[in-house]
C-alpha atoms as a PDB file:
ATOM      1  CA  UNK A   1     139.905 167.604 110.055  1.00  0.00           C
ATOM      2  CA  UNK A   2     141.614 164.862 112.482  1.00  0.00           C
ATOM      3  CA  UNK A   3     139.198 162.266 110.830  1.00  0.00           C
ATOM      4  CA  UNK A   4     140.530 163.045 107.699  1.00  0.00           C
ATOM      5  CA  UNK A   5     144.015 162.532 108.750  1.00  0.00           C
ATOM      6  CA  UNK A   6     143.190 159.257 110.381  1.00  0.00           C
ATOM      7  CA  UNK A   7     141.281 157.633 107.231  1.00  0.00           C
ATOM      8  CA  UNK A   8     144.095 159.089 105.190  1.00  0.00           C
ATOM      9  CA  UNK A   9     147.034 157.258 107.436  1.00  0.00           C
ATOM     10  CA  UNK A  10     144.845 154.080 107.855  1.00  0.00           C
ATOM     11  CA  UNK A  11     144.263 154.226 103.740  1.00  0.00           C
ATOM     12  CA  UNK A  12     148.215 154.705 103.044  1.00  0.00           C
ATOM     13  CA  UNK A  13     149.008 151.872 105.784  1.00  0.00           C
ATOM     14  CA  UNK A  14     146.628 149.477 103.999  1.00  0.00           C
ATOM     15  CA  UNK A  15     148.314 150.165 100.720  1.00  0.00           C
ATOM     16  CA  UNK A  16     151.665 149.689 102.186  1.00  0.00           C
ATOM     17  CA  UNK A  17     150.894 146.299 104.027  1.00  0.00           C
ATOM     18  CA  UNK A  18     149.231 145.125 100.752  1.00  0.00           C
ATOM     19  CA  UNK A  19     151.980 145.959  98.485  1.00  0.00           C
ATOM     20  CA  UNK A  20     154.404 144.241 100.512  1.00  0.00           C
ATOM     21  CA  UNK A  21     152.107 140.956 100.960  1.00  0.00           C
ATOM     22  CA  UNK A  22     151.840 140.765  96.933  1.00  0.00           C
ATOM     23  CA  UNK A  23     155.448 141.347  96.302  1.00  0.00           C
ATOM     24  CA  UNK A  24     156.463 138.685  99.142  1.00  0.00           C
ATOM     25  CA  UNK A  25     154.067 136.472  97.630  1.00  0.00           C
ATOM     26  CA  UNK A  26     155.111 137.228  93.857  1.00  0.00           C
ATOM     27  CA  UNK A  27     159.058 136.478  94.804  1.00  0.00           C
ATOM     28  CA  UNK A  28     157.889 133.457  96.735  1.00  0.00           C
ATOM     29  CA  UNK A  29     155.774 131.934  93.644  1.00  0.00           C
ATOM     30  CA  UNK A  30     157.849 133.059  90.765  1.00  0.00           C
ATOM     31  CA  UNK A  31     156.760 134.317  87.571  1.00  0.00           C
ATOM     32  CA  UNK A  32     155.490 130.787  86.465  1.00  0.00           C
ATOM     33  CA  UNK A  33     153.616 130.138  89.414  1.00  0.00           C
ATOM     34  CA  UNK A  34     152.031 133.195  89.483  1.00  0.00           C
ATOM     35  CA  UNK A  35     151.103 132.710  85.777  1.00  0.00           C
ATOM     36  CA  UNK A  36     149.769 129.279  87.039  1.00  0.00           C
ATOM     37  CA  UNK A  37     147.819 130.572  89.703  1.00  0.00           C
ATOM     38  CA  UNK A  38     146.115 133.655  87.885  1.00  0.00           C
ATOM     39  CA  UNK A  39     145.084 131.004  84.796  1.00  0.00           C
ATOM     40  CA  UNK A  40     143.300 129.063  87.589  1.00  0.00           C
ATOM     41  CA  UNK A  41     141.596 131.898  89.021  1.00  0.00           C
ATOM     42  CA  UNK A  42     140.604 132.552  85.398  1.00  0.00           C
ATOM     43  CA  UNK A  43     139.310 128.860  85.184  1.00  0.00           C
ATOM     44  CA  UNK A  44     137.423 128.955  88.286  1.00  0.00           C
ATOM     45  CA  UNK A  45     135.778 132.345  87.480  1.00  0.00           C
ATOM     46  CA  UNK A  46     134.702 130.751  83.991  1.00  0.00           C
ATOM     47  CA  UNK A  47     133.321 127.668  85.524  1.00  0.00           C
ATOM     48  CA  UNK A  48     131.491 129.806  88.346  1.00  0.00           C
ATOM     49  CA  UNK A  49     129.971 131.845  85.301  1.00  0.00           C
ATOM     50  CA  UNK A  50     128.713 129.129  83.248  1.00  0.00           C
ATOM     51  CA  UNK A  51     126.917 127.429  86.080  1.00  0.00           C
ATOM     52  CA  UNK A  52     125.456 130.301  87.284  1.00  0.00           C
ATOM     53  CA  UNK A  53     124.199 130.843  83.293  1.00  0.00           C
ATOM     54  CA  UNK A  54     122.847 127.346  83.371  1.00  0.00           C
ATOM     55  CA  UNK A  55     121.009 127.863  86.662  1.00  0.00           C
ATOM     56  CA  UNK A  56     119.338 131.142  85.027  1.00  0.00           C
ATOM     57  CA  UNK A  57     118.356 129.238  82.168  1.00  0.00           C
ATOM     58  CA  UNK A  58     116.882 126.092  83.877  1.00  0.00           C
ATOM     59  CA  UNK A  59     115.297 128.758  86.640  1.00  0.00           C
ATOM     60  CA  UNK A  60     113.554 130.759  83.727  1.00  0.00           C
ATOM     61  CA  UNK A  61     112.298 127.504  81.941  1.00  0.00           C
ATOM     62  CA  UNK A  62     110.595 126.378  85.396  1.00  0.00           C
ATOM     63  CA  UNK A  63     109.186 129.963  85.774  1.00  0.00           C
ATOM     64  CA  UNK A  64     107.636 130.154  82.149  1.00  0.00           C
ATOM     65  CA  UNK A  65     106.500 126.598  82.608  1.00  0.00           C
ATOM     66  CA  UNK A  66     104.823 127.785  85.850  1.00  0.00           C
ATOM     67  CA  UNK A  67     103.417 130.866  84.277  1.00  0.00           C
ATOM     68  CA  UNK A  68     102.148 129.243  81.187  1.00  0.00           C
ATOM     69  CA  UNK A  69     104.482 131.060  78.718  1.00  0.00           C
ATOM     70  CA  UNK A  70     105.632 129.662  75.503  1.00  0.00           C
ATOM     71  CA  UNK A  71     109.594 128.807  75.703  1.00  0.00           C
ATOM     72  CA  UNK A  72     109.595 130.780  72.245  1.00  0.00           C
ATOM     73  CA  UNK A  73     107.923 134.044  71.983  1.00  0.00           C
ATOM     74  CA  UNK A  74     105.490 134.315  68.850  1.00  0.00           C
ATOM     75  CA  UNK A  75     106.109 136.524  66.104  1.00  0.00           C
END
Protein backbone atom coordinates (compact mmCIF):
# COMPACT_ATOMS: atom_id res chain seq x y z
CA UNK A 1 0.00 0.00 0.00
CA UNK A 2 2.76 2.44 0.90
CA UNK A 3 4.59 1.58 -2.34
CA UNK A 4 1.53 2.50 -4.38
CA UNK A 5 1.13 5.83 -2.59
CA UNK A 6 4.82 6.56 -3.09
CA UNK A 7 4.69 5.80 -6.82
CA UNK A 8 1.46 7.75 -7.22
CA UNK A 9 3.05 10.77 -5.54
CA UNK A 10 6.24 10.38 -7.60
CA UNK A 11 4.22 10.18 -10.83
CA UNK A 12 2.18 13.25 -9.91
CA UNK A 13 5.33 15.20 -9.06
CA UNK A 14 6.98 14.25 -12.34
CA UNK A 15 3.82 15.25 -14.22
CA UNK A 16 3.67 18.65 -12.52
CA UNK A 17 7.36 19.34 -13.19
CA UNK A 18 6.97 18.31 -16.83
CA UNK A 19 3.92 20.51 -17.38
CA UNK A 20 5.70 23.48 -15.81
CA UNK A 21 8.83 22.99 -17.93
CA UNK A 22 6.82 22.64 -21.14
CA UNK A 23 4.74 25.71 -20.29
CA UNK A 24 7.85 27.76 -19.53
CA UNK A 25 9.50 26.64 -22.75
CA UNK A 26 6.36 27.35 -24.76
CA UNK A 27 6.02 30.89 -23.40
CA UNK A 28 9.74 31.60 -23.88
CA UNK A 29 9.83 30.33 -27.45
CA UNK A 30 6.48 31.65 -28.66
CA UNK A 31 4.14 30.03 -31.15
CA UNK A 32 6.35 30.65 -34.20
CA UNK A 33 9.43 29.24 -32.51
CA UNK A 34 7.51 26.19 -31.33
CA UNK A 35 6.25 25.51 -34.85
CA UNK A 36 9.78 25.88 -36.19
CA UNK A 37 11.16 23.51 -33.54
CA UNK A 38 8.51 20.89 -34.32
CA UNK A 39 9.19 21.21 -38.05
CA UNK A 40 12.93 20.77 -37.48
CA UNK A 41 12.28 17.72 -35.33
CA UNK A 42 10.03 16.24 -38.02
CA UNK A 43 12.71 16.88 -40.66
CA UNK A 44 15.35 15.23 -38.49
CA UNK A 45 13.16 12.16 -37.98
CA UNK A 46 12.45 11.95 -41.72
CA UNK A 47 16.17 12.24 -42.55
CA UNK A 48 16.99 9.51 -40.04
CA UNK A 49 14.29 7.25 -41.49
CA UNK A 50 15.61 7.79 -45.02
CA UNK A 51 19.18 6.99 -43.96
CA UNK A 52 17.95 3.93 -42.08
CA UNK A 53 16.01 2.65 -45.11
CA UNK A 54 19.01 3.19 -47.37
CA UNK A 55 21.25 1.30 -44.93
CA UNK A 56 18.74 -1.56 -44.77
CA UNK A 57 18.61 -1.74 -48.55
CA UNK A 58 22.41 -1.79 -48.82
CA UNK A 59 22.65 -4.49 -46.16
CA UNK A 60 20.02 -6.60 -47.92
CA UNK A 61 21.95 -6.28 -51.18
CA UNK A 62 25.15 -7.34 -49.40
CA UNK A 63 23.41 -10.34 -47.84
CA UNK A 64 21.83 -11.39 -51.12
CA UNK A 65 25.20 -11.17 -52.84
CA UNK A 66 26.92 -13.13 -50.06
CA UNK A 67 24.26 -15.85 -50.15
CA UNK A 68 24.14 -16.00 -53.96
CA UNK A 69 20.46 -15.02 -54.10
CA UNK A 70 19.18 -13.08 -57.10
CA UNK A 71 18.12 -9.52 -56.38
CA UNK A 72 14.78 -10.16 -58.13
CA UNK A 73 12.77 -13.22 -57.15
CA UNK A 74 11.93 -15.49 -60.08
CA UNK A 75 8.25 -16.16 -60.80
